[in-house]
Structure formats: structure tokens, C-alpha cells
């Protein structure tokens, strides 16, 4: 527990459970989008899938995680193959 307080004093903190859940859900959606784009030879879903898998590493706030994830999923929905 002492190490946790030392890390918090340096500016590091553990993510909330909602952040971890969002990162997990959007990561799974990214894997599915990447596999779909690769199988169908569609570059836009493939790269949106890569973005869905990687963006949680660059974002630290929970509300921004869900906002960017929802926007990427909306983009995936718009660029789907009919």
C-alpha cells in the first residue's frame, strides 16, 4: 500500500473500473472490426479496428474514452459494407 501512495504522489493513479470495462469492450470491438476488414479486404474498417484497439493507451479520462470509442464505433457503422 505504501508503494501505491508513492506512485500517486508522482502523478500516477489506477484507472477506474468503468475505464477498464470500456477499454475491454472497445478493444474487443476493435479486434472484431479488424478481422472483418481484413477478411472482406476493406481498409476503412480494418484501420478503425486498429484505432479502437490502440486509443485507450493514449487517453486517460473515462468520459473521453467512451466519447472517442462511441465516435469510432459510429464511424465503423457508417462505413460498413451493405
N, C-alpha and C. Protein backbone atom coordinates (compact mmCIF):
# COMPACT_ATOMS: atom_id res chain seq x y z
N UNK A 1 0.82 -1.19 0.00
CA UNK A 1 0.00 0.00 0.00
C UNK A 1 0.86 1.26 0.00
N UNK A 2 2.03 1.16 0.58
CA UNK A 2 2.93 2.30 0.62
C UNK A 2 3.42 2.66 -0.78
N UNK A 3 3.62 1.65 -1.62
CA UNK A 3 4.07 1.90 -2.98
C UNK A 3 3.00 2.62 -3.79
N UNK A 4 1.73 2.31 -3.52
CA UNK A 4 0.63 2.96 -4.22
C UNK A 4 0.59 4.45 -3.90
N UNK A 5 0.80 4.80 -2.65
CA UNK A 5 0.82 6.22 -2.25
C UNK A 5 2.02 6.93 -2.86
N UNK A 6 3.14 6.23 -2.97
CA UNK A 6 4.32 6.83 -3.58
C UNK A 6 4.07 7.09 -5.07
N UNK A 7 3.42 6.16 -5.75
CA UNK A 7 3.10 6.35 -7.17
C UNK A 7 2.08 7.47 -7.36
N UNK A 8 1.10 7.57 -6.45
CA UNK A 8 0.11 8.64 -6.54
C UNK A 8 0.75 10.00 -6.33
N UNK A 9 1.77 10.07 -5.48
CA UNK A 9 2.45 11.34 -5.27
C UNK A 9 3.26 11.76 -6.50
N UNK A 10 3.63 10.80 -7.35
CA UNK A 10 4.33 11.11 -8.59
C UNK A 10 3.38 11.43 -9.74
N UNK A 11 2.07 11.30 -9.51
CA UNK A 11 1.08 11.62 -10.54
C UNK A 11 0.48 10.42 -11.21
N UNK A 12 0.85 9.22 -10.79
CA UNK A 12 0.28 8.01 -11.37
C UNK A 12 -0.93 7.58 -10.55
N UNK A 13 -1.96 7.09 -11.22
CA UNK A 13 -3.13 6.58 -10.50
C UNK A 13 -3.69 5.39 -11.25
N UNK A 14 -4.40 4.55 -10.53
CA UNK A 14 -5.02 3.38 -11.14
C UNK A 14 -6.29 3.79 -11.87
N UNK A 15 -6.59 3.17 -13.00
CA UNK A 15 -7.83 3.50 -13.70
C UNK A 15 -9.05 2.98 -12.95
N UNK A 16 -10.17 3.64 -13.20
CA UNK A 16 -11.41 3.22 -12.54
C UNK A 16 -11.93 1.94 -13.20
N UNK A 17 -12.81 1.22 -12.52
CA UNK A 17 -13.38 0.01 -13.12
C UNK A 17 -14.16 0.29 -14.41
N UNK A 18 -14.81 1.45 -14.49
CA UNK A 18 -15.52 1.80 -15.72
C UNK A 18 -14.56 2.03 -16.88
N UNK A 19 -13.39 2.59 -16.59
CA UNK A 19 -12.38 2.78 -17.62
C UNK A 19 -11.88 1.43 -18.13
N UNK A 20 -11.60 0.52 -17.23
CA UNK A 20 -11.12 -0.81 -17.61
C UNK A 20 -12.18 -1.54 -18.43
N UNK A 21 -13.44 -1.44 -18.01
CA UNK A 21 -14.54 -2.06 -18.76
C UNK A 21 -14.66 -1.47 -20.16
N UNK A 22 -14.58 -0.14 -20.27
CA UNK A 22 -14.66 0.50 -21.58
C UNK A 22 -13.50 0.11 -22.48
N UNK A 23 -12.30 0.07 -21.92
CA UNK A 23 -11.14 -0.33 -22.71
C UNK A 23 -11.27 -1.76 -23.20
N UNK A 24 -11.81 -2.62 -22.37
CA UNK A 24 -12.01 -4.01 -22.74
C UNK A 24 -13.07 -4.15 -23.84
N UNK A 25 -14.19 -3.46 -23.67
CA UNK A 25 -15.29 -3.55 -24.66
C UNK A 25 -14.84 -2.98 -26.00
N UNK A 26 -14.21 -1.80 -25.99
CA UNK A 26 -13.79 -1.21 -27.26
C UNK A 26 -12.62 -1.97 -27.88
N UNK A 27 -11.80 -2.59 -27.06
CA UNK A 27 -10.74 -3.44 -27.60
C UNK A 27 -11.28 -4.67 -28.31
N UNK A 28 -12.29 -5.29 -27.73
CA UNK A 28 -12.93 -6.44 -28.38
C UNK A 28 -13.63 -6.02 -29.66
N UNK A 29 -14.29 -4.87 -29.63
CA UNK A 29 -14.93 -4.35 -30.84
C UNK A 29 -13.88 -4.05 -31.91
N UNK A 30 -12.72 -3.57 -31.49
CA UNK A 30 -11.62 -3.31 -32.43
C UNK A 30 -11.09 -4.57 -33.07
N UNK A 31 -10.96 -5.62 -32.28
CA UNK A 31 -10.50 -6.90 -32.83
C UNK A 31 -11.50 -7.42 -33.86
N UNK A 32 -12.78 -7.33 -33.53
CA UNK A 32 -13.81 -7.79 -34.47
C UNK A 32 -13.82 -6.95 -35.75
N UNK A 33 -13.67 -5.64 -35.62
CA UNK A 33 -13.66 -4.77 -36.79
C UNK A 33 -12.42 -5.03 -37.65
N UNK A 34 -11.28 -5.23 -37.00
CA UNK A 34 -10.06 -5.52 -37.75
C UNK A 34 -10.18 -6.83 -38.53
N UNK A 35 -10.69 -7.86 -37.87
CA UNK A 35 -10.83 -9.15 -38.56
C UNK A 35 -11.82 -9.07 -39.71
N UNK A 36 -12.93 -8.33 -39.50
CA UNK A 36 -13.91 -8.14 -40.57
C UNK A 36 -13.29 -7.39 -41.74
N UNK A 37 -12.58 -6.30 -41.47
CA UNK A 37 -11.96 -5.52 -42.53
C UNK A 37 -10.90 -6.30 -43.27
N UNK A 38 -10.15 -7.11 -42.56
CA UNK A 38 -9.12 -7.92 -43.20
C UNK A 38 -9.74 -9.01 -44.07
N UNK A 39 -10.77 -9.67 -43.56
CA UNK A 39 -11.41 -10.76 -44.30
C UNK A 39 -12.11 -10.24 -45.54
N UNK A 40 -12.76 -9.07 -45.44
CA UNK A 40 -13.50 -8.51 -46.56
C UNK A 40 -12.64 -7.60 -47.44
N UNK A 41 -11.36 -7.46 -47.12
CA UNK A 41 -10.44 -6.58 -47.86
C UNK A 41 -10.95 -5.14 -47.92
N UNK A 42 -11.43 -4.66 -46.79
CA UNK A 42 -11.91 -3.28 -46.65
C UNK A 42 -10.95 -2.52 -45.73
N UNK A 43 -10.26 -1.51 -46.26
CA UNK A 43 -9.26 -0.84 -45.42
C UNK A 43 -9.84 0.03 -44.31
N UNK A 44 -10.99 0.67 -44.53
CA UNK A 44 -11.53 1.58 -43.51
C UNK A 44 -11.92 0.84 -42.23
N UNK A 45 -12.71 -0.25 -42.30
CA UNK A 45 -13.00 -0.97 -41.05
C UNK A 45 -11.76 -1.55 -40.39
N UNK A 46 -10.79 -1.95 -41.20
CA UNK A 46 -9.56 -2.52 -40.65
C UNK A 46 -8.82 -1.47 -39.82
N UNK A 47 -8.69 -0.26 -40.34
CA UNK A 47 -7.95 0.78 -39.62
C UNK A 47 -8.75 1.36 -38.46
N UNK A 48 -10.07 1.38 -38.57
CA UNK A 48 -10.88 1.79 -37.43
C UNK A 48 -10.73 0.75 -36.31
N UNK A 49 -10.65 -0.51 -36.68
CA UNK A 49 -10.41 -1.56 -35.69
C UNK A 49 -9.07 -1.39 -34.98
N UNK A 50 -8.05 -1.04 -35.74
CA UNK A 50 -6.73 -0.79 -35.13
C UNK A 50 -6.82 0.40 -34.17
N UNK A 51 -7.52 1.44 -34.59
CA UNK A 51 -7.69 2.62 -33.73
C UNK A 51 -8.46 2.26 -32.46
N UNK A 52 -9.50 1.44 -32.59
CA UNK A 52 -10.27 1.02 -31.41
C UNK A 52 -9.43 0.21 -30.44
N UNK A 53 -8.49 -0.56 -30.96
CA UNK A 53 -7.65 -1.36 -30.08
C UNK A 53 -6.57 -0.53 -29.39
N UNK A 54 -6.08 0.53 -30.04
CA UNK A 54 -4.92 1.24 -29.52
C UNK A 54 -5.21 2.54 -28.79
N UNK A 55 -6.34 3.20 -29.06
CA UNK A 55 -6.55 4.51 -28.48
C UNK A 55 -6.68 4.52 -26.95
N UNK A 56 -7.13 3.45 -26.28
CA UNK A 56 -7.19 3.52 -24.81
C UNK A 56 -5.82 3.73 -24.15
N UNK A 57 -4.74 3.41 -24.85
CA UNK A 57 -3.41 3.62 -24.29
C UNK A 57 -3.04 5.10 -24.28
N UNK A 58 -3.69 5.92 -25.09
CA UNK A 58 -3.35 7.34 -25.20
C UNK A 58 -4.31 8.25 -24.43
N UNK A 59 -5.42 7.72 -23.97
CA UNK A 59 -6.45 8.52 -23.30
C UNK A 59 -6.53 8.09 -21.84
N UNK A 60 -6.57 9.09 -20.93
CA UNK A 60 -6.58 8.74 -19.51
C UNK A 60 -7.90 9.02 -18.82
N UNK A 61 -8.76 9.85 -19.38
CA UNK A 61 -10.03 10.12 -18.70
C UNK A 61 -11.13 9.20 -19.23
N UNK A 62 -12.01 8.81 -18.33
CA UNK A 62 -13.04 7.82 -18.65
C UNK A 62 -14.06 8.37 -19.64
N UNK A 63 -14.51 9.61 -19.44
CA UNK A 63 -15.53 10.16 -20.33
C UNK A 63 -14.98 10.32 -21.75
N UNK A 64 -13.70 10.66 -21.87
CA UNK A 64 -13.10 10.79 -23.20
C UNK A 64 -12.93 9.43 -23.86
N UNK A 65 -12.64 8.40 -23.06
CA UNK A 65 -12.54 7.04 -23.59
C UNK A 65 -13.85 6.62 -24.24
N UNK A 66 -14.96 6.87 -23.54
CA UNK A 66 -16.27 6.49 -24.07
C UNK A 66 -16.67 7.37 -25.25
N UNK A 67 -16.32 8.66 -25.22
CA UNK A 67 -16.67 9.55 -26.33
C UNK A 67 -15.94 9.16 -27.61
N UNK A 68 -14.64 8.93 -27.52
CA UNK A 68 -13.85 8.54 -28.70
C UNK A 68 -14.26 7.15 -29.17
N UNK A 69 -14.50 6.24 -28.25
CA UNK A 69 -14.94 4.89 -28.62
C UNK A 69 -16.28 4.90 -29.33
N UNK A 70 -17.21 5.71 -28.83
CA UNK A 70 -18.51 5.80 -29.48
C UNK A 70 -18.38 6.43 -30.87
N UNK A 71 -17.52 7.43 -31.01
CA UNK A 71 -17.31 8.06 -32.32
C UNK A 71 -16.69 7.08 -33.31
N UNK A 72 -15.72 6.30 -32.86
CA UNK A 72 -15.11 5.31 -33.75
C UNK A 72 -16.10 4.21 -34.12
N UNK A 73 -16.91 3.79 -33.18
CA UNK A 73 -17.94 2.78 -33.49
C UNK A 73 -18.98 3.34 -34.45
N UNK A 74 -19.32 4.61 -34.29
CA UNK A 74 -20.24 5.26 -35.23
C UNK A 74 -19.61 5.32 -36.62
N UNK A 75 -18.33 5.64 -36.69
CA UNK A 75 -17.64 5.62 -37.98
C UNK A 75 -17.61 4.24 -38.59
N UNK A 76 -17.44 3.24 -37.78
CA UNK A 76 -17.48 1.86 -38.26
C UNK A 76 -18.86 1.51 -38.78
N UNK A 77 -19.89 1.98 -38.11
CA UNK A 77 -21.26 1.73 -38.55
C UNK A 77 -21.55 2.44 -39.87
N UNK A 78 -21.04 3.65 -40.03
CA UNK A 78 -21.28 4.41 -41.26
C UNK A 78 -20.56 3.78 -42.45
N UNK A 79 -19.32 3.31 -42.23
CA UNK A 79 -18.54 2.75 -43.34
C UNK A 79 -18.69 1.26 -43.51
N UNK A 80 -19.74 0.68 -42.96
CA UNK A 80 -19.93 -0.76 -43.13
C UNK A 80 -20.31 -1.08 -44.59
N UNK A 81 -20.09 -2.28 -44.98
CA UNK A 81 -20.42 -2.72 -46.34
C UNK A 81 -21.87 -3.20 -46.36
N UNK A 82 -22.72 -2.63 -47.24
CA UNK A 82 -24.14 -3.05 -47.25
C UNK A 82 -24.34 -4.46 -47.74
